[in-house]
Amino acid sequence: MNTYEFTFLVSETEATKKLEKALESFKGKKLDETSWGKRLFAYPINKKTDAHYFTWNIHIEPSDIAEFKKKLQYDKLVIRYLLMEKDYTQKQKKSKVKKIDAKKE
Protein backbone atom coordinates (compact mmCIF):
# COMPACT_ATOMS: atom_id res chain seq x y z
CA MET A 1 0.00 0.00 0.00
CA ASN A 2 1.14 3.50 -0.78
CA THR A 3 0.59 6.57 1.34
CA TYR A 4 -1.21 9.56 -0.14
CA GLU A 5 -2.07 13.04 1.05
CA PHE A 6 -5.75 13.67 0.34
CA THR A 7 -6.91 17.29 0.62
CA PHE A 8 -10.55 18.05 -0.11
CA LEU A 9 -13.24 20.71 0.25
CA VAL A 10 -16.77 19.86 1.37
CA SER A 11 -19.75 22.04 2.14
CA GLU A 12 -20.81 19.93 5.15
CA THR A 13 -18.57 18.25 7.72
CA GLU A 14 -20.85 15.17 7.72
CA ALA A 15 -19.52 14.40 4.24
CA THR A 16 -16.26 13.21 5.82
CA LYS A 17 -18.04 10.13 7.19
CA LYS A 18 -19.27 9.27 3.71
CA LEU A 19 -15.76 9.76 2.29
CA GLU A 20 -14.26 7.56 4.99
CA LYS A 21 -16.74 4.77 4.11
CA ALA A 22 -15.85 5.18 0.43
CA LEU A 23 -12.16 4.88 1.29
CA GLU A 24 -12.82 1.73 3.33
CA SER A 25 -14.76 0.24 0.42
CA PHE A 26 -11.48 0.38 -1.55
CA LYS A 27 -9.65 -1.32 1.36
CA GLY A 28 -7.94 1.93 2.28
CA LYS A 29 -7.51 3.45 5.70
CA LYS A 30 -7.12 6.93 7.12
CA LEU A 31 -3.88 7.48 9.06
CA ASP A 32 -4.53 10.97 10.37
CA GLU A 33 -6.77 13.97 9.77
CA THR A 34 -6.21 17.71 9.81
CA SER A 35 -9.13 20.12 9.69
CA TRP A 36 -8.43 23.61 8.39
CA GLY A 37 -11.90 24.82 9.31
CA LYS A 38 -14.39 26.71 7.21
CA ARG A 39 -12.88 29.18 4.74
CA LEU A 40 -14.14 31.55 2.08
CA PHE A 41 -13.30 31.01 -1.58
CA ALA A 42 -11.62 33.67 -3.69
CA TYR A 43 -14.41 33.15 -6.22
CA PRO A 44 -17.67 31.12 -6.20
CA ILE A 45 -17.42 27.43 -7.11
CA ASN A 46 -20.72 25.78 -8.10
CA LYS A 47 -22.56 28.77 -6.59
CA LYS A 48 -20.88 28.20 -3.19
CA THR A 49 -18.71 30.77 -1.48
CA ASP A 50 -17.20 28.75 1.40
CA ALA A 51 -16.31 25.20 2.41
CA HIS A 52 -14.68 23.06 5.09
CA TYR A 53 -11.08 22.15 4.25
CA PHE A 54 -9.64 18.78 5.32
CA THR A 55 -6.36 16.95 4.79
CA TRP A 56 -6.02 13.22 5.38
CA ASN A 57 -3.03 10.94 5.11
CA ILE A 58 -4.35 7.67 3.71
CA HIS A 59 -3.12 4.19 2.78
CA ILE A 60 -4.59 2.73 -0.40
CA GLU A 61 -3.45 0.36 -3.12
CA PRO A 62 -2.17 2.11 -6.27
CA SER A 63 -4.46 -0.09 -8.37
CA ASP A 64 -7.52 1.35 -6.56
CA ILE A 65 -6.57 5.02 -6.96
CA ALA A 66 -8.24 5.46 -10.37
CA GLU A 67 -11.56 4.08 -9.11
CA PHE A 68 -11.35 6.18 -5.93
CA LYS A 69 -10.77 9.34 -8.01
CA LYS A 70 -13.70 8.46 -10.26
CA LYS A 71 -15.94 8.12 -7.21
CA LEU A 72 -14.76 11.52 -5.93
CA GLN A 73 -15.47 13.21 -9.27
CA TYR A 74 -19.10 12.08 -9.24
CA ASP A 75 -19.68 12.82 -5.55
CA LYS A 76 -21.75 16.01 -5.22
CA LEU A 77 -20.55 16.64 -1.65
CA VAL A 78 -16.89 17.03 -2.67
CA ILE A 79 -16.32 20.47 -4.15
CA ARG A 80 -12.61 20.02 -4.98
CA TYR A 81 -9.92 17.50 -4.08
CA LEU A 82 -6.19 16.93 -4.45
CA LEU A 83 -4.60 13.51 -4.10
CA MET A 84 -0.80 13.28 -3.99
CA GLU A 85 1.56 10.41 -3.28
CA LYS A 86 3.52 11.08 -0.12
CA ASP A 87 6.34 9.64 1.91
CA TYR A 88 4.57 9.50 5.28
CA THR A 89 7.79 9.07 7.25
CA GLN A 90 8.89 12.58 6.21
CA LYS A 91 6.30 14.09 8.51
CA GLN A 92 7.65 12.16 11.47
CA LYS A 93 11.27 13.22 10.91
CA LYS A 94 12.41 16.46 12.44
CA SER A 95 13.58 18.97 9.91
CA LYS A 96 16.98 20.45 10.47
CA VAL A 97 17.43 24.13 9.90
CA LYS A 98 20.88 25.30 8.85
CA LYS A 99 21.99 28.70 9.96
CA ILE A 100 23.54 30.73 7.20
CA ASP A 101 25.68 33.69 8.13
CA ALA A 102 25.15 36.78 6.04
CA LYS A 103 28.26 38.09 4.33
CA LYS A 104 29.34 41.52 5.48
CA GLU A 105 30.40 43.91 2.78
PDB file of N, CA and C in Angstrom:
ATOM      1  N   MET A   1       0.840  -1.186   0.000  1.00  0.00           N
ATOM      2  CA  MET A   1       0.000   0.000   0.000  1.00  0.00           C
ATOM      3  C   MET A   1       0.879   1.242   0.000  1.00  0.00           C
ATOM      4  N   ASN A   2       0.448   2.229  -0.752  1.00  0.00           N
ATOM      5  CA  ASN A   2       1.144   3.504  -0.780  1.00  0.00           C
ATOM      6  C   ASN A   2       0.421   4.509   0.102  1.00  0.00           C
ATOM      7  N   THR A   3       1.158   5.512   0.527  1.00  0.00           N
ATOM      8  CA  THR A   3       0.593   6.573   1.341  1.00  0.00           C
ATOM      9  C   THR A   3       0.348   7.786   0.465  1.00  0.00           C
ATOM     10  N   TYR A   4      -0.822   8.399   0.639  1.00  0.00           N
ATOM     11  CA  TYR A   4      -1.209   9.560  -0.143  1.00  0.00           C
ATOM     12  C   TYR A   4      -1.694  10.662   0.790  1.00  0.00           C
ATOM     13  N   GLU A   5      -1.494  11.901   0.358  1.00  0.00           N
ATOM     14  CA  GLU A   5      -2.075  13.041   1.051  1.00  0.00           C
ATOM     15  C   GLU A   5      -3.319  13.432   0.270  1.00  0.00           C
ATOM     16  N   PHE A   6      -4.451  13.438   0.952  1.00  0.00           N
ATOM     17  CA  PHE A   6      -5.753  13.673   0.337  1.00  0.00           C
ATOM     18  C   PHE A   6      -6.346  14.940   0.938  1.00  0.00           C
ATOM     19  N   THR A   7      -6.345  16.021   0.177  1.00  0.00           N
ATOM     20  CA  THR A   7      -6.911  17.290   0.617  1.00  0.00           C
ATOM     21  C   THR A   7      -8.202  17.518  -0.155  1.00  0.00           C
ATOM     22  N   PHE A   8      -9.261  17.882   0.558  1.00  0.00           N
ATOM     23  CA  PHE A   8     -10.549  18.050  -0.107  1.00  0.00           C
ATOM     24  C   PHE A   8     -11.369  19.146   0.555  1.00  0.00           C
ATOM     25  N   LEU A   9     -12.330  19.669  -0.214  1.00  0.00           N
ATOM     26  CA  LEU A   9     -13.242  20.708   0.249  1.00  0.00           C
ATOM     27  C   LEU A   9     -14.649  20.163   0.204  1.00  0.00           C
ATOM     28  N   VAL A  10     -15.373  20.302   1.301  1.00  0.00           N
ATOM     29  CA  VAL A  10     -16.765  19.859   1.370  1.00  0.00           C
ATOM     30  C   VAL A  10     -17.605  20.967   1.987  1.00  0.00           C
ATOM     31  N   SER A  11     -18.873  21.005   1.601  1.00  0.00           N
ATOM     32  CA  SER A  11     -19.750  22.044   2.136  1.00  0.00           C
ATOM     33  C   SER A  11     -20.268  21.678   3.530  1.00  0.00           C
ATOM     34  N   GLU A  12     -20.333  20.386   3.848  1.00  0.00           N
ATOM     35  CA  GLU A  12     -20.807  19.930   5.153  1.00  0.00           C
ATOM     36  C   GLU A  12     -19.775  18.988   5.772  1.00  0.00           C
ATOM     37  N   THR A  13     -19.560  19.099   7.067  1.00  0.00           N
ATOM     38  CA  THR A  13     -18.569  18.249   7.723  1.00  0.00           C
ATOM     39  C   THR A  13     -19.030  16.788   7.795  1.00  0.00           C
ATOM     40  N   GLU A  14     -20.338  16.543   7.687  1.00  0.00           N
ATOM     41  CA  GLU A  14     -20.852  15.173   7.717  1.00  0.00           C
ATOM     42  C   GLU A  14     -20.394  14.377   6.487  1.00  0.00           C
ATOM     43  N   ALA A  15     -19.980  15.069   5.457  1.00  0.00           N
ATOM     44  CA  ALA A  15     -19.516  14.400   4.236  1.00  0.00           C
ATOM     45  C   ALA A  15     -18.242  13.604   4.482  1.00  0.00           C
ATOM     46  N   THR A  16     -17.491  13.949   5.536  1.00  0.00           N
ATOM     47  CA  THR A  16     -16.261  13.214   5.820  1.00  0.00           C
ATOM     48  C   THR A  16     -16.551  11.759   6.192  1.00  0.00           C
ATOM     49  N   LYS A  17     -17.672  11.511   6.848  1.00  0.00           N
ATOM     50  CA  LYS A  17     -18.042  10.132   7.191  1.00  0.00           C
ATOM     51  C   LYS A  17     -18.315   9.324   5.934  1.00  0.00           C
ATOM     52  N   LYS A  18     -18.982   9.949   4.970  1.00  0.00           N
ATOM     53  CA  LYS A  18     -19.266   9.274   3.709  1.00  0.00           C
ATOM     54  C   LYS A  18     -17.970   8.992   2.936  1.00  0.00           C
ATOM     55  N   LEU A  19     -17.039   9.951   2.969  1.00  0.00           N
ATOM     56  CA  LEU A  19     -15.760   9.758   2.286  1.00  0.00           C
ATOM     57  C   LEU A  19     -14.925   8.665   2.951  1.00  0.00           C
ATOM     58  N   GLU A  20     -14.999   8.594   4.274  1.00  0.00           N
ATOM     59  CA  GLU A  20     -14.257   7.556   4.988  1.00  0.00           C
ATOM     60  C   GLU A  20     -14.811   6.170   4.642  1.00  0.00           C
ATOM     61  N   LYS A  21     -16.129   6.053   4.515  1.00  0.00           N
ATOM     62  CA  LYS A  21     -16.736   4.774   4.110  1.00  0.00           C
ATOM     63  C   LYS A  21     -16.340   4.420   2.684  1.00  0.00           C
ATOM     64  N   ALA A  22     -16.277   5.424   1.813  1.00  0.00           N
ATOM     65  CA  ALA A  22     -15.855   5.185   0.428  1.00  0.00           C
ATOM     66  C   ALA A  22     -14.404   4.706   0.389  1.00  0.00           C
ATOM     67  N   LEU A  23     -13.559   5.298   1.219  1.00  0.00           N
ATOM     68  CA  LEU A  23     -12.157   4.880   1.295  1.00  0.00           C
ATOM     69  C   LEU A  23     -12.046   3.445   1.790  1.00  0.00           C
ATOM     70  N   GLU A  24     -12.832   3.093   2.796  1.00  0.00           N
ATOM     71  CA  GLU A  24     -12.816   1.732   3.334  1.00  0.00           C
ATOM     72  C   GLU A  24     -13.346   0.722   2.328  1.00  0.00           C
ATOM     73  N   SER A  25     -14.244   1.145   1.444  1.00  0.00           N
ATOM     74  CA  SER A  25     -14.756   0.235   0.420  1.00  0.00           C
ATOM     75  C   SER A  25     -13.667  -0.145  -0.585  1.00  0.00           C
ATOM     76  N   PHE A  26     -12.627   0.686  -0.689  1.00  0.00           N
ATOM     77  CA  PHE A  26     -11.479   0.376  -1.552  1.00  0.00           C
ATOM     78  C   PHE A  26     -10.327  -0.219  -0.746  1.00  0.00           C
ATOM     79  N   LYS A  27     -10.623  -0.706   0.459  1.00  0.00           N
ATOM     80  CA  LYS A  27      -9.652  -1.321   1.363  1.00  0.00           C
ATOM     81  C   LYS A  27      -8.543  -0.359   1.773  1.00  0.00           C
ATOM     82  N   GLY A  28      -8.888   0.919   1.828  1.00  0.00           N
ATOM     83  CA  GLY A  28      -7.940   1.930   2.285  1.00  0.00           C
ATOM     84  C   GLY A  28      -8.218   2.280   3.730  1.00  0.00           C
ATOM     85  N   LYS A  29      -7.278   3.002   4.330  1.00  0.00           N
ATOM     86  CA  LYS A  29      -7.509   3.445   5.704  1.00  0.00           C
ATOM     87  C   LYS A  29      -6.916   4.830   5.915  1.00  0.00           C
ATOM     88  N   LYS A  30      -7.549   5.574   6.799  1.00  0.00           N
ATOM     89  CA  LYS A  30      -7.124   6.934   7.120  1.00  0.00           C
ATOM     90  C   LYS A  30      -6.097   6.861   8.243  1.00  0.00           C
ATOM     91  N   LEU A  31      -4.928   7.475   8.043  1.00  0.00           N
ATOM     92  CA  LEU A  31      -3.881   7.479   9.062  1.00  0.00           C
ATOM     93  C   LEU A  31      -4.046   8.634  10.037  1.00  0.00           C
ATOM     94  N   ASP A  32      -4.256   9.824   9.510  1.00  0.00           N
ATOM     95  CA  ASP A  32      -4.534  10.969  10.369  1.00  0.00           C
ATOM     96  C   ASP A  32      -5.327  12.013   9.603  1.00  0.00           C
ATOM     97  N   GLU A  33      -5.877  12.959  10.347  1.00  0.00           N
ATOM     98  CA  GLU A  33      -6.771  13.965   9.773  1.00  0.00           C
ATOM     99  C   GLU A  33      -6.408  15.338  10.308  1.00  0.00           C
ATOM    100  N   THR A  34      -6.412  16.327   9.422  1.00  0.00           N
ATOM    101  CA  THR A  34      -6.208  17.712   9.812  1.00  0.00           C
ATOM    102  C   THR A  34      -7.368  18.524   9.253  1.00  0.00           C
ATOM    103  N   SER A  35      -8.033  19.263  10.117  1.00  0.00           N
ATOM    104  CA  SER A  35      -9.131  20.115   9.686  1.00  0.00           C
ATOM    105  C   SER A  35      -8.640  21.557   9.651  1.00  0.00           C
ATOM    106  N   TRP A  36      -8.824  22.219   8.535  1.00  0.00           N
ATOM    107  CA  TRP A  36      -8.426  23.613   8.391  1.00  0.00           C
ATOM    108  C   TRP A  36      -9.563  24.554   8.733  1.00  0.00           C
ATOM    109  N   GLY A  37     -10.735  24.004   8.975  1.00  0.00           N
ATOM    110  CA  GLY A  37     -11.896  24.818   9.306  1.00  0.00           C
ATOM    111  C   GLY A  37     -12.633  25.301   8.068  1.00  0.00           C
ATOM    112  N   LYS A  38     -13.580  26.170   8.311  1.00  0.00           N
ATOM    113  CA  LYS A  38     -14.390  26.708   7.214  1.00  0.00           C
ATOM    114  C   LYS A  38     -13.739  27.982   6.695  1.00  0.00           C
ATOM    115  N   ARG A  39     -13.546  28.037   5.365  1.00  0.00           N
ATOM    116  CA  ARG A  39     -12.885  29.184   4.745  1.00  0.00           C
ATOM    117  C   ARG A  39     -13.674  29.672   3.541  1.00  0.00           C
ATOM    118  N   LEU A  40     -13.503  30.945   3.249  1.00  0.00           N
ATOM    119  CA  LEU A  40     -14.145  31.550   2.085  1.00  0.00           C
ATOM    120  C   LEU A  40     -13.306  31.302   0.833  1.00  0.00           C
ATOM    121  N   PHE A  41     -13.977  31.154  -0.301  1.00  0.00           N
ATOM    122  CA  PHE A  41     -13.298  31.015  -1.584  1.00  0.00           C
ATOM    123  C   PHE A  41     -12.931  32.393  -2.123  1.00  0.00           C
ATOM    124  N   ALA A  42     -11.961  32.425  -3.005  1.00  0.00           N
ATOM    125  CA  ALA A  42     -11.621  33.671  -3.689  1.00  0.00           C
ATOM    126  C   ALA A  42     -12.686  34.007  -4.732  1.00  0.00           C
ATOM    127  N   TYR A  43     -13.343  32.984  -5.246  1.00  0.00           N
ATOM    128  CA  TYR A  43     -14.414  33.148  -6.225  1.00  0.00           C
ATOM    129  C   TYR A  43     -15.406  32.000  -6.021  1.00  0.00           C
ATOM    130  N   PRO A  44     -16.674  32.181  -6.400  1.00  0.00           N
ATOM    131  CA  PRO A  44     -17.670  31.116  -6.197  1.00  0.00           C
ATOM    132  C   PRO A  44     -17.359  29.868  -7.027  1.00  0.00           C
ATOM    133  N   ILE A  45     -17.568  28.717  -6.427  1.00  0.00           N
ATOM    134  CA  ILE A  45     -17.423  27.429  -7.106  1.00  0.00           C
ATOM    135  C   ILE A  45     -18.764  26.716  -6.977  1.00  0.00           C
ATOM    136  N   ASN A  46     -19.395  26.415  -8.095  1.00  0.00           N
ATOM    137  CA  ASN A  46     -20.720  25.781  -8.098  1.00  0.00           C
ATOM    138  C   ASN A  46     -21.716  26.547  -7.226  1.00  0.00           C
ATOM    139  N   LYS A  47     -21.667  27.866  -7.323  1.00  0.00           N
ATOM    140  CA  LYS A  47     -22.557  28.772  -6.587  1.00  0.00           C
ATOM    141  C   LYS A  47     -22.364  28.718  -5.074  1.00  0.00           C
ATOM    142  N   LYS A  48     -21.205  28.238  -4.627  1.00  0.00           N
ATOM    143  CA  LYS A  48     -20.882  28.196  -3.195  1.00  0.00           C
ATOM    144  C   LYS A  48     -19.721  29.143  -2.940  1.00  0.00           C
ATOM    145  N   THR A  49     -19.737  29.777  -1.786  1.00  0.00           N
ATOM    146  CA  THR A  49     -18.706  30.766  -1.480  1.00  0.00           C
ATOM    147  C   THR A  49     -17.772  30.341  -0.355  1.00  0.00           C
ATOM    148  N   ASP A  50     -18.076  29.229   0.333  1.00  0.00           N
ATOM    149  CA  ASP A  50     -17.199  28.753   1.401  1.00  0.00           C
ATOM    150  C   ASP A  50     -17.294  27.235   1.515  1.00  0.00           C
ATOM    151  N   ALA A  51     -16.326  26.656   2.220  1.00  0.00           N
ATOM    152  CA  ALA A  51     -16.307  25.205   2.410  1.00  0.00           C
ATOM    153  C   ALA A  51     -15.422  24.853   3.595  1.00  0.00           C
ATOM    154  N   HIS A  52     -15.545  23.610   4.052  1.00  0.00           N
ATOM    155  CA  HIS A  52     -14.682  23.063   5.091  1.00  0.00           C
ATOM    156  C   HIS A  52     -13.509  22.379   4.398  1.00  0.00           C
ATOM    157  N   TYR A  53     -12.295  22.711   4.832  1.00  0.00           N
ATOM    158  CA  TYR A  53     -11.078  22.154   4.246  1.00  0.00           C
ATOM    159  C   TYR A  53     -10.562  21.042   5.162  1.00  0.00           C
ATOM    160  N   PHE A  54     -10.200  19.898   4.577  1.00  0.00           N
ATOM    161  CA  PHE A  54      -9.645  18.779   5.324  1.00  0.00           C
ATOM    162  C   PHE A  54      -8.430  18.213   4.599  1.00  0.00           C
ATOM    163  N   THR A  55      -7.491  17.686   5.352  1.00  0.00           N
ATOM    164  CA  THR A  55      -6.363  16.953   4.788  1.00  0.00           C
ATOM    165  C   THR A  55      -6.235  15.639   5.546  1.00  0.00           C
ATOM    166  N   TRP A  56      -6.222  14.546   4.801  1.00  0.00           N
ATOM    167  CA  TRP A  56      -6.025  13.217   5.377  1.00  0.00           C
ATOM    168  C   TRP A  56      -4.761  12.614   4.802  1.00  0.00           C
ATOM    169  N   ASN A  57      -4.076  11.830   5.609  1.00  0.00           N
ATOM    170  CA  ASN A  57      -3.028  10.944   5.109  1.00  0.00           C
ATOM    171  C   ASN A  57      -3.660   9.564   5.071  1.00  0.00           C
ATOM    172  N   ILE A  58      -3.639   8.931   3.891  1.00  0.00           N
ATOM    173  CA  ILE A  58      -4.348   7.666   3.714  1.00  0.00           C
ATOM    174  C   ILE A  58      -3.432   6.609   3.124  1.00  0.00           C
ATOM    175  N   HIS A  59      -3.749   5.359   3.404  1.00  0.00           N
ATOM    176  CA  HIS A  59      -3.116   4.192   2.784  1.00  0.00           C
ATOM    177  C   HIS A  59      -4.126   3.586   1.829  1.00  0.00           C
ATOM    178  N   ILE A  60      -3.720   3.364   0.587  1.00  0.00           N
ATOM    179  CA  ILE A  60      -4.586   2.731  -0.398  1.00  0.00           C
ATOM    180  C   ILE A  60      -3.703   2.098  -1.466  1.00  0.00           C
ATOM    181  N   GLU A  61      -4.189   1.032  -2.055  1.00  0.00           N
ATOM    182  CA  GLU A  61      -3.448   0.358  -3.121  1.00  0.00           C
ATOM    183  C   GLU A  61      -3.407   1.240  -4.367  1.00  0.00           C
ATOM    184  N   PRO A  62      -2.265   1.298  -5.042  1.00  0.00           N
ATOM    185  CA  PRO A  62      -2.169   2.108  -6.267  1.00  0.00           C
ATOM    186  C   PRO A  62      -3.161   1.673  -7.348  1.00  0.00           C
ATOM    187  N   SER A  63      -3.510   0.401  -7.370  1.00  0.00           N
ATOM    188  CA  SER A  63      -4.459  -0.086  -8.372  1.00  0.00           C
ATOM    189  C   SER A  63      -5.881   0.426  -8.125  1.00  0.00           C
ATOM    190  N   ASP A  64      -6.178   0.858  -6.901  1.00  0.00           N
ATOM    191  CA  ASP A  64      -7.517   1.354  -6.560  1.00  0.00           C
ATOM    192  C   ASP A  64      -7.647   2.875  -6.657  1.00  0.00           C
ATOM    193  N   ILE A  65      -6.550   3.561  -6.922  1.00  0.00           N
ATOM    194  CA  ILE A  65      -6.574   5.023  -6.961  1.00  0.00           C
ATOM    195  C   ILE A  65      -7.492   5.555  -8.066  1.00  0.00           C
ATOM    196  N   ALA A  66      -7.423   4.974  -9.258  1.00  0.00           N
ATOM    197  CA  ALA A  66      -8.239   5.462 -10.375  1.00  0.00           C
ATOM    198  C   ALA A  66      -9.730   5.357 -10.051  1.00  0.00           C
ATOM    199  N   GLU A  67     -10.152   4.248  -9.468  1.00  0.00           N
ATOM    200  CA  GLU A  67     -11.561   4.077  -9.107  1.00  0.00           C
ATOM    201  C   GLU A  67     -11.974   5.030  -7.988  1.00  0.00           C
ATOM    202  N   PHE A  68     -11.070   5.251  -7.029  1.00  0.00           N
ATOM    203  CA  PHE A  68     -11.352   6.177  -5.931  1.00  0.00           C
ATOM    204  C   PHE A  68     -11.515   7.601  -6.476  1.00  0.00           C
ATOM    205  N   LYS A  69     -10.654   8.012  -7.396  1.00  0.00           N
ATOM    206  CA  LYS A  69     -10.767   9.336  -8.009  1.00  0.00           C
ATOM    207  C   LYS A  69     -12.070   9.476  -8.793  1.00  0.00           C
ATOM    208  N   LYS A  70     -12.455   8.419  -9.490  1.00  0.00           N
ATOM    209  CA  LYS A  70     -13.697   8.461 -10.260  1.00  0.00           C
ATOM    210  C   LYS A  70     -14.892   8.653  -9.323  1.00  0.00           C
ATOM    211  N   LYS A  71     -14.857   7.975  -8.184  1.00  0.00           N
ATOM    212  CA  LYS A  71     -15.938   8.119  -7.211  1.00  0.00           C
ATOM    213  C   LYS A  71     -15.978   9.549  -6.659  1.00  0.00           C
ATOM    214  N   LEU A  72     -14.810  10.156  -6.437  1.00  0.00           N
ATOM    215  CA  LEU A  72     -14.760  11.524  -5.931  1.00  0.00           C
ATOM    216  C   LEU A  72     -15.286  12.528  -6.952  1.00  0.00           C
ATOM    217  N   GLN A  73     -15.021  12.281  -8.229  1.00  0.00           N
ATOM    218  CA  GLN A  73     -15.466  13.208  -9.270  1.00  0.00           C
ATOM    219  C   GLN A  73     -16.985  13.252  -9.372  1.00  0.00           C
ATOM    220  N   TYR A  74     -17.639  12.139  -9.121  1.00  0.00           N
ATOM    221  CA  TYR A  74     -19.097  12.082  -9.239  1.00  0.00           C
ATOM    222  C   TYR A  74     -19.821  12.376  -7.929  1.00  0.00           C
ATOM    223  N   ASP A  75     -19.075  12.529  -6.846  1.00  0.00           N
ATOM    224  CA  ASP A  75     -19.676  12.822  -5.551  1.00  0.00           C
ATOM    225  C   ASP A  75     -20.032  14.307  -5.473  1.00  0.00           C
ATOM    226  N   LYS A  76     -21.284  14.616  -5.257  1.00  0.00           N
ATOM    227  CA  LYS A  76     -21.750  16.006  -5.215  1.00  0.00           C
ATOM    228  C   LYS A  76     -21.292  16.740  -3.949  1.00  0.00           C
ATOM    229  N   LEU A  77     -20.954  16.011  -2.899  1.00  0.00           N
ATOM    230  CA  LEU A  77     -20.545  16.642  -1.645  1.00  0.00           C
ATOM    231  C   LEU A  77     -19.120  17.180  -1.691  1.00  0.00           C
ATOM    232  N   VAL A  78     -18.279  16.604  -2.546  1.00  0.00           N
ATOM    233  CA  VAL A  78     -16.888  17.032  -2.666  1.00  0.00           C
ATOM    234  C   VAL A  78     -16.817  18.152  -3.700  1.00  0.00           C
ATOM    235  N   ILE A  79     -16.399  19.326  -3.252  1.00  0.00           N
ATOM    236  CA  ILE A  79     -16.321  20.475  -4.154  1.00  0.00           C
ATOM    237  C   ILE A  79     -15.038  20.403  -4.982  1.00  0.00           C
ATOM    238  N   ARG A  80     -13.915  20.200  -4.328  1.00  0.00           N
ATOM    239  CA  ARG A  80     -12.612  20.021  -4.980  1.00  0.00           C
ATOM    240  C   ARG A  80     -11.797  19.035  -4.156  1.00  0.00           C
ATOM    241  N   TYR A  81     -10.816  18.384  -4.817  1.00  0.00           N
ATOM    242  CA  TYR A  81      -9.918  17.503  -4.081  1.00  0.00           C
ATOM    243  C   TYR A  81      -8.547  17.492  -4.742  1.00  0.00           C
ATOM    244  N   LEU A  82      -7.548  17.106  -3.972  1.00  0.00           N
ATOM    245  CA  LEU A  82      -6.187  16.933  -4.455  1.00  0.00           C
ATOM    246  C   LEU A  82      -5.635  15.684  -3.793  1.00  0.00           C
ATOM    247  N   LEU A  83      -5.123  14.774  -4.597  1.00  0.00           N
ATOM    248  CA  LEU A  83      -4.604  13.507  -4.097  1.00  0.00           C
ATOM    249  C   LEU A  83      -3.167  13.366  -4.579  1.00  0.00           C
ATOM    250  N   MET A  84      -2.214  13.358  -3.636  1.00  0.00           N
ATOM    251  CA  MET A  84      -0.798  13.285  -3.994  1.00  0.00           C
ATOM    252  C   MET A  84      -0.127  12.138  -3.247  1.00  0.00           C
ATOM    253  N   GLU A  85       0.779  11.459  -3.940  1.00  0.00           N
ATOM    254  CA  GLU A  85       1.559  10.410  -3.283  1.00  0.00           C
ATOM    255  C   GLU A  85       2.539  11.071  -2.326  1.00  0.00           C
ATOM    256  N   LYS A  86       2.731  10.456  -1.169  1.00  0.00           N
ATOM    257  CA  LYS A  86       3.524  11.077  -0.123  1.00  0.00           C
ATOM    258  C   LYS A  86       4.359  10.041   0.601  1.00  0.00           C
ATOM    259  N   ASP A  87       5.521  10.474   1.043  1.00  0.00           N
ATOM    260  CA  ASP A  87       6.340   9.645   1.912  1.00  0.00           C
ATOM    261  C   ASP A  87       5.949  10.010   3.338  1.00  0.00           C
ATOM    262  N   TYR A  88       5.157   9.165   3.977  1.00  0.00           N
ATOM    263  CA  TYR A  88       4.567   9.496   5.278  1.00  0.00           C
ATOM    264  C   TYR A  88       5.624   9.651   6.364  1.00  0.00           C
ATOM    265  N   THR A  89       6.759   8.981   6.218  1.00  0.00           N
ATOM    266  CA  THR A  89       7.788   9.067   7.254  1.00  0.00           C
ATOM    267  C   THR A  89       8.437  10.442   7.287  1.00  0.00           C
ATOM    268  N   GLN A  90       8.317  11.238   6.213  1.00  0.00           N
ATOM    269  CA  GLN A  90       8.886  12.577   6.211  1.00  0.00           C
ATOM    270  C   GLN A  90       8.258  13.453   7.286  1.00  0.00           C
ATOM    271  N   LYS A  91       6.978  13.278   7.522  1.00  0.00           N
ATOM    272  CA  LYS A  91       6.295  14.090   8.512  1.00  0.00           C
ATOM    273  C   LYS A  91       6.823  13.796   9.916  1.00  0.00           C
ATOM    274  N   GLN A  92       7.221  12.564  10.146  1.00  0.00           N
ATOM    275  CA  GLN A  92       7.649  12.162  11.467  1.00  0.00           C
ATOM    276  C   GLN A  92       9.095  12.566  11.759  1.00  0.00           C
ATOM    277  N   LYS A  93       9.894  12.806  10.717  1.00  0.00           N
ATOM    278  CA  LYS A  93      11.274  13.219  10.911  1.00  0.00           C
ATOM    279  C   LYS A  93      11.318  14.696  11.262  1.00  0.00           C
ATOM    280  N   LYS A  94      12.261  15.049  12.098  1.00  0.00           N
ATOM    281  CA  LYS A  94      12.410  16.460  12.440  1.00  0.00           C
ATOM    282  C   LYS A  94      13.264  17.123  11.366  1.00  0.00           C
ATOM    283  N   SER A  95      12.811  18.250  10.927  1.00  0.00           N
ATOM    284  CA  SER A  95      13.579  18.966   9.909  1.00  0.00           C
ATOM    285  C   SER A  95      14.694  19.742  10.582  1.00  0.00           C
ATOM    286  N   LYS A  96      15.823  19.739   9.935  1.00  0.00           N
ATOM    287  CA  LYS A  96      16.981  20.446  10.465  1.00  0.00           C
ATOM    288  C   LYS A  96      17.119  21.766   9.726  1.00  0.00           C
ATOM    289  N   VAL A  97      17.282  22.809  10.481  1.00  0.00           N
ATOM    290  CA  VAL A  97      17.430  24.133   9.902  1.00  0.00           C
ATOM    291  C   VAL A  97      18.897  24.517   9.991  1.00  0.00           C
ATOM    292  N   LYS A  98      19.485  24.880   8.863  1.00  0.00           N
ATOM    293  CA  LYS A  98      20.877  25.303   8.851  1.00  0.00           C
ATOM    294  C   LYS A  98      20.935  26.814   8.975  1.00  0.00           C
ATOM    295  N   LYS A  99      21.818  27.278   9.787  1.00  0.00           N
ATOM    296  CA  LYS A  99      21.991  28.701   9.963  1.00  0.00           C
ATOM    297  C   LYS A  99      23.024  29.184   8.954  1.00  0.00           C
ATOM    298  N   ILE A 100      22.648  30.176   8.206  1.00  0.00           N
ATOM    299  CA  ILE A 100      23.539  30.734   7.199  1.00  0.00           C
ATOM    300  C   ILE A 100      23.915  32.141   7.639  1.00  0.00           C
ATOM    301  N   ASP A 101      25.213  32.367   7.751  1.00  0.00           N
ATOM    302  CA  ASP A 101      25.685  33.685   8.131  1.00  0.00           C
ATOM    303  C   ASP A 101      25.674  34.602   6.925  1.00  0.00           C
ATOM    304  N   ALA A 102      25.168  35.792   7.122  1.00  0.00           N
ATOM    305  CA  ALA A 102      25.152  36.780   6.041  1.00  0.00           C
ATOM    306  C   ALA A 102      26.549  37.344   5.853  1.00  0.00           C
ATOM    307  N   LYS A 103      26.942  37.525   4.625  1.00  0.00           N
ATOM    308  CA  LYS A 103      28.257  38.089   4.331  1.00  0.00           C
ATOM    309  C   LYS A 103      28.218  39.593   4.575  1.00  0.00           C
ATOM    310  N   LYS A 104      29.249  40.068   5.232  1.00  0.00           N
ATOM    311  CA  LYS A 104      29.337  41.516   5.476  1.00  0.00           C
ATOM    312  C   LYS A 104      30.166  42.140   4.368  1.00  0.00           C
ATOM    313  N   GLU A 105      29.689  43.245   3.873  1.00  0.00           N
ATOM    314  CA  GLU A 105      30.400  43.906   2.776  1.00  0.00           C
ATOM    315  C   GLU A 105      31.197  45.065   3.291  1.00  0.00           C
TER     316      GLU A 105
END
